[in-house]
Protein backbone atom coordinates (compact mmCIF):
# COMPACT_ATOMS: atom_id res chain seq x y z
CA MET A 1 48.89 -46.78 -45.52
CA ASN A 2 47.39 -46.62 -42.09
CA LYS A 3 48.47 -49.26 -39.49
CA PRO A 4 45.48 -51.38 -38.47
CA VAL A 5 44.28 -51.94 -34.97
CA VAL A 6 45.13 -55.47 -33.78
CA LEU A 7 43.27 -57.32 -31.12
CA VAL A 8 45.62 -59.77 -29.38
CA VAL A 9 43.75 -62.67 -27.67
CA GLU A 10 46.22 -64.66 -25.59
CA ASP A 11 46.35 -65.96 -22.10
CA ASP A 12 49.91 -66.71 -21.77
CA HIS A 13 51.38 -63.43 -20.34
CA SER A 14 54.89 -63.94 -22.03
CA VAL A 15 53.48 -64.68 -25.47
CA ARG A 16 51.01 -61.79 -25.23
CA ASN A 17 53.85 -59.51 -24.14
CA LEU A 18 56.11 -60.57 -27.02
CA ILE A 19 53.29 -59.89 -29.55
CA THR A 20 52.21 -56.55 -28.05
CA THR A 21 55.94 -55.58 -27.61
CA THR A 22 56.51 -56.32 -31.32
CA LEU A 23 53.51 -54.30 -32.43
CA LYS A 24 54.39 -51.31 -30.38
CA ALA A 25 57.98 -51.49 -31.90
CA HIS A 26 56.38 -51.15 -35.25
CA ASP A 27 53.97 -48.46 -34.40
CA TYR A 28 50.93 -50.71 -34.58
CA ARG A 29 47.83 -49.95 -32.28
CA TYR A 30 46.48 -52.96 -30.30
CA LEU A 31 44.11 -54.05 -27.80
CA THR A 32 44.42 -57.32 -25.61
CA ALA A 33 42.13 -59.97 -24.08
CA ALA A 34 43.26 -62.95 -21.89
CA ASN A 35 40.30 -65.06 -22.30
CA GLY A 36 37.25 -65.73 -24.63
CA ALA A 37 34.60 -63.50 -22.90
CA ASP A 38 36.91 -60.37 -23.13
CA ALA A 39 37.91 -61.20 -26.48
CA ILE A 40 34.24 -61.16 -27.87
CA LEU A 41 33.57 -57.90 -25.78
CA GLU A 42 36.70 -56.30 -27.24
CA ALA A 43 35.87 -57.48 -30.80
CA SER A 44 32.17 -56.38 -30.66
CA SER A 45 32.98 -53.09 -28.83
CA HIS A 46 35.87 -51.81 -30.92
CA ASN A 47 35.69 -53.61 -34.14
CA PRO A 48 39.40 -54.07 -34.61
CA ASP A 49 40.84 -54.62 -38.01
CA VAL A 50 42.59 -57.80 -37.28
CA VAL A 51 42.50 -60.41 -34.44
CA PHE A 52 45.62 -62.53 -33.37
CA LEU A 53 43.55 -65.53 -31.63
CA ASP A 54 45.04 -68.25 -29.47
CA LEU A 55 43.01 -71.30 -29.44
CA GLY A 56 43.61 -72.67 -26.00
CA LEU A 57 41.98 -70.01 -23.80
CA PRO A 58 40.93 -70.80 -20.11
CA ASP A 59 37.15 -70.20 -20.39
CA MET A 60 36.18 -71.22 -24.09
CA ASP A 61 38.00 -72.80 -27.23
CA GLY A 62 39.20 -70.53 -29.94
CA ILE A 63 37.08 -72.25 -32.49
CA ASP A 64 33.94 -71.02 -30.66
CA ILE A 65 35.34 -67.45 -30.75
CA ILE A 66 35.92 -67.58 -34.32
CA GLN A 67 32.35 -68.88 -34.76
CA LYS A 68 30.73 -66.09 -32.76
CA ILE A 69 32.79 -63.30 -34.44
CA ARG A 70 31.92 -64.76 -37.89
CA SER A 71 28.10 -64.48 -37.05
CA TRP A 72 28.43 -60.79 -37.26
CA SER A 73 31.74 -59.75 -38.69
CA THR A 74 34.34 -60.50 -41.54
CA MET A 75 37.35 -59.11 -39.66
CA PRO A 76 40.33 -60.94 -40.33
CA ILE A 77 41.31 -63.40 -37.76
CA ILE A 78 44.79 -64.86 -37.80
CA VAL A 79 45.18 -68.03 -35.34
CA ILE A 80 48.40 -68.32 -33.32
CA SER A 81 48.35 -71.71 -31.68
CA ALA A 82 50.46 -74.45 -30.31
CA ARG A 83 48.13 -76.90 -31.98
CA SER A 84 50.09 -78.11 -34.98
CA GLU A 85 48.16 -81.04 -36.47
CA ASP A 86 46.61 -80.44 -39.71
CA THR A 87 43.07 -81.38 -38.42
CA ASP A 88 43.42 -78.27 -36.04
CA LYS A 89 44.34 -75.95 -38.85
CA ILE A 90 41.53 -77.21 -41.14
CA GLU A 91 39.04 -77.00 -38.19
CA ALA A 92 40.09 -73.18 -37.48
CA LEU A 93 40.14 -72.41 -41.27
CA ASP A 94 36.72 -73.97 -41.79
CA ALA A 95 35.30 -72.11 -38.86
CA GLY A 96 36.22 -68.99 -40.45
CA ALA A 97 39.94 -68.09 -39.59
CA ASP A 98 41.95 -66.23 -42.48
CA ASP A 99 45.36 -67.53 -41.49
CA TYR A 100 47.16 -69.85 -38.98
CA LEU A 101 50.50 -69.44 -37.44
CA THR A 102 51.89 -72.15 -35.30
CA LYS A 103 53.81 -71.71 -32.01
CA PRO A 104 56.80 -71.10 -31.60
CA PHE A 105 56.80 -68.62 -34.27
CA SER A 106 59.28 -65.85 -35.21
CA VAL A 107 58.21 -62.17 -34.99
CA GLU A 108 59.28 -61.64 -38.71
CA GLU A 109 56.86 -64.24 -39.76
CA LEU A 110 54.04 -62.59 -37.45
CA LEU A 111 54.64 -59.24 -39.03
CA ALA A 112 54.83 -60.71 -42.55
CA ARG A 113 51.48 -62.28 -41.96
CA LEU A 114 50.14 -58.92 -40.68
CA ARG A 115 51.39 -57.08 -43.62
CA VAL A 116 49.48 -59.41 -45.95
CA THR A 117 46.29 -58.78 -44.03
CA GLN A 118 47.02 -55.06 -44.07
CA ARG A 119 47.51 -55.07 -47.87
CA ARG A 120 44.26 -56.94 -48.29
CA LEU A 121 42.37 -54.40 -45.90
CA ALA A 122 43.79 -51.41 -47.96
CA MET A 123 42.58 -52.94 -51.03
CA MET A 124 39.13 -53.49 -49.69
CA ALA A 125 39.02 -49.82 -48.46
CA THR A 126 40.03 -48.68 -52.02
CA ASP A 127 37.44 -50.67 -53.62
CA ALA A 128 34.84 -49.30 -51.13
CA SER A 129 35.93 -45.72 -51.71
CA GLU A 130 35.70 -45.99 -55.33
CA ALA A 131 31.95 -46.68 -55.06
CA ALA A 132 30.64 -43.26 -54.80
CA VAL A 133 27.05 -44.52 -55.24
CA PHE A 134 25.66 -47.41 -53.26
CA GLU A 135 22.75 -49.33 -54.72
CA ASN A 136 20.67 -52.08 -53.17
CA GLY A 137 17.45 -53.05 -54.68
CA GLU A 138 15.48 -49.82 -55.08
CA LEU A 139 17.51 -48.03 -52.49
CA ARG A 140 20.40 -45.69 -53.67
CA ILE A 141 22.78 -43.65 -51.67
CA ASP A 142 24.93 -40.94 -53.24
CA TYR A 143 27.73 -40.67 -50.66
CA ALA A 144 29.23 -37.41 -52.49
CA ALA A 145 25.98 -35.69 -52.39
CA GLY A 146 24.91 -36.93 -48.93
CA CYS A 147 21.50 -37.95 -50.33
CA ALA A 148 19.47 -41.21 -50.29
CA TYR A 149 16.63 -42.38 -52.62
CA LEU A 150 14.16 -44.93 -52.57
CA HIS A 151 12.20 -45.78 -55.95
CA ASP A 152 14.18 -42.73 -57.16
CA ALA A 153 12.11 -40.50 -54.65
CA PRO A 154 14.43 -38.74 -52.27
CA LEU A 155 14.24 -40.10 -48.56
CA HIS A 156 13.77 -37.47 -46.07
CA LEU A 157 16.09 -38.46 -43.43
CA THR A 158 17.46 -36.85 -40.04
CA PRO A 159 21.16 -36.58 -39.78
CA ILE A 160 21.33 -39.51 -37.45
CA GLU A 161 19.06 -41.78 -39.83
CA TYR A 162 21.31 -40.94 -42.71
CA LYS A 163 24.52 -42.02 -40.71
CA LEU A 164 22.73 -45.09 -39.53
CA LEU A 165 21.65 -45.90 -43.14
CA CYS A 166 25.27 -45.41 -44.54
CA LEU A 167 26.81 -47.21 -41.66
CA LEU A 168 24.57 -50.25 -42.53
CA ALA A 169 25.27 -49.90 -46.41
CA ARG A 170 28.92 -49.80 -45.99
CA ASN A 171 28.81 -52.99 -44.25
CA VAL A 172 25.91 -54.69 -46.10
CA GLY A 173 25.46 -58.35 -45.46
CA LYS A 174 27.19 -58.03 -41.94
CA VAL A 175 25.65 -58.01 -38.67
CA LEU A 176 26.60 -54.91 -36.75
CA THR A 177 26.37 -55.02 -33.07
CA HIS A 178 24.51 -52.43 -30.98
CA THR A 179 27.85 -51.52 -29.37
CA PHE A 180 29.50 -51.08 -32.61
CA ILE A 181 26.80 -49.02 -34.07
CA THR A 182 26.68 -46.68 -31.13
CA GLN A 183 30.29 -46.32 -30.93
CA ASN A 184 30.22 -45.07 -34.54
CA ILE A 185 27.22 -42.97 -34.36
CA TRP A 186 27.51 -41.38 -30.80
CA GLY A 187 31.07 -42.33 -29.89
CA SER A 188 29.90 -44.14 -26.80
CA ALA A 189 27.84 -47.26 -25.87
CA TRP A 190 25.82 -46.34 -22.92
CA GLU A 191 22.45 -48.01 -22.36
CA SER A 192 20.75 -44.77 -23.25
CA ASP A 193 22.53 -44.88 -26.50
CA ILE A 194 21.27 -48.35 -27.14
CA ALA A 195 17.81 -47.19 -26.31
CA SER A 196 18.02 -44.23 -28.62
CA LEU A 197 19.39 -46.68 -31.33
CA ARG A 198 16.16 -48.61 -31.27
CA VAL A 199 14.14 -45.43 -31.71
CA TYR A 200 16.14 -44.18 -34.69
CA MET A 201 16.18 -47.53 -36.27
CA ALA A 202 12.46 -47.80 -35.95
CA THR A 203 11.86 -44.38 -37.57
CA LEU A 204 14.43 -45.25 -40.31
CA ARG A 205 12.69 -48.60 -41.09
CA LYS A 206 9.37 -46.74 -41.33
CA LYS A 207 10.90 -44.79 -44.25
CA LEU A 208 12.42 -47.78 -45.81
CA GLU A 209 10.00 -50.77 -45.41
CA GLN A 210 6.43 -51.46 -46.51
CA GLY A 211 5.55 -52.37 -42.82
CA PRO A 212 6.93 -53.70 -39.46
CA ASP A 213 6.02 -57.20 -40.55
CA ALA A 214 7.73 -57.06 -44.00
CA PRO A 215 11.44 -56.35 -43.34
CA GLN A 216 13.22 -55.99 -46.59
CA TYR A 217 16.34 -53.88 -46.17
CA ILE A 218 17.15 -54.05 -42.41
CA GLN A 219 17.11 -57.20 -40.56
CA THR A 220 16.97 -57.23 -36.73
CA HIS A 221 19.26 -59.94 -34.88
CA ILE A 222 17.58 -59.95 -31.42
CA GLY A 223 19.97 -59.16 -28.61
CA VAL A 224 22.90 -58.62 -31.13
CA GLY A 225 22.24 -55.90 -33.50
CA TYR A 226 21.08 -54.99 -37.23
CA ARG A 227 22.07 -56.15 -40.70
CA MET A 228 21.39 -54.71 -44.22
CA VAL A 229 20.30 -57.37 -46.36
CA ARG A 230 21.92 -57.39 -49.89
CA LEU A 231 18.90 -57.59 -52.39
């Protein structure tokens, strides 16, 4: 079972160091952020598998970060906070957090919560790999054959267009940021990559949609990215 990449969002250096040292000792890969702005940047740029999130950050409340991430991703978020009131836990969970760990915590419990999330991620990956054919409305993608069809007619796509279509399909219903898409397609996120993305997305949509004013499969989230709509 591959270890997930964990984004640790914590402004307290000692707590952040405790978490990252624990992760490193158990061979987990990790990213760090000490404030909300960096947390959102790291989450959108690297799309980590799990987020450990402190609520009391210097520049914004953790609840706002949860809501922002939930606007484009379903990545698991485990809150690690000194706020112990039930109302705080309910607010975080209602905002979209998956779990809530109260400070002070033991590293054993931290790892146990992570293992639970890891098992869920593995089950989701297994379910996805078993679906060799993706279907959405009149769109069908045969991953094994590397072909896509619309109304049972082959779609003549360039390699980049096909990769874009598969990336959107594998994340159907989720908003994928420009940075996440370019990182997955080109391995970088330069401004030129984002400009190229807009061009490729336009040509892909011409092959999928009836017209630019009638988007059916791909929805643009201005300033954020794109989402494949589940029909």
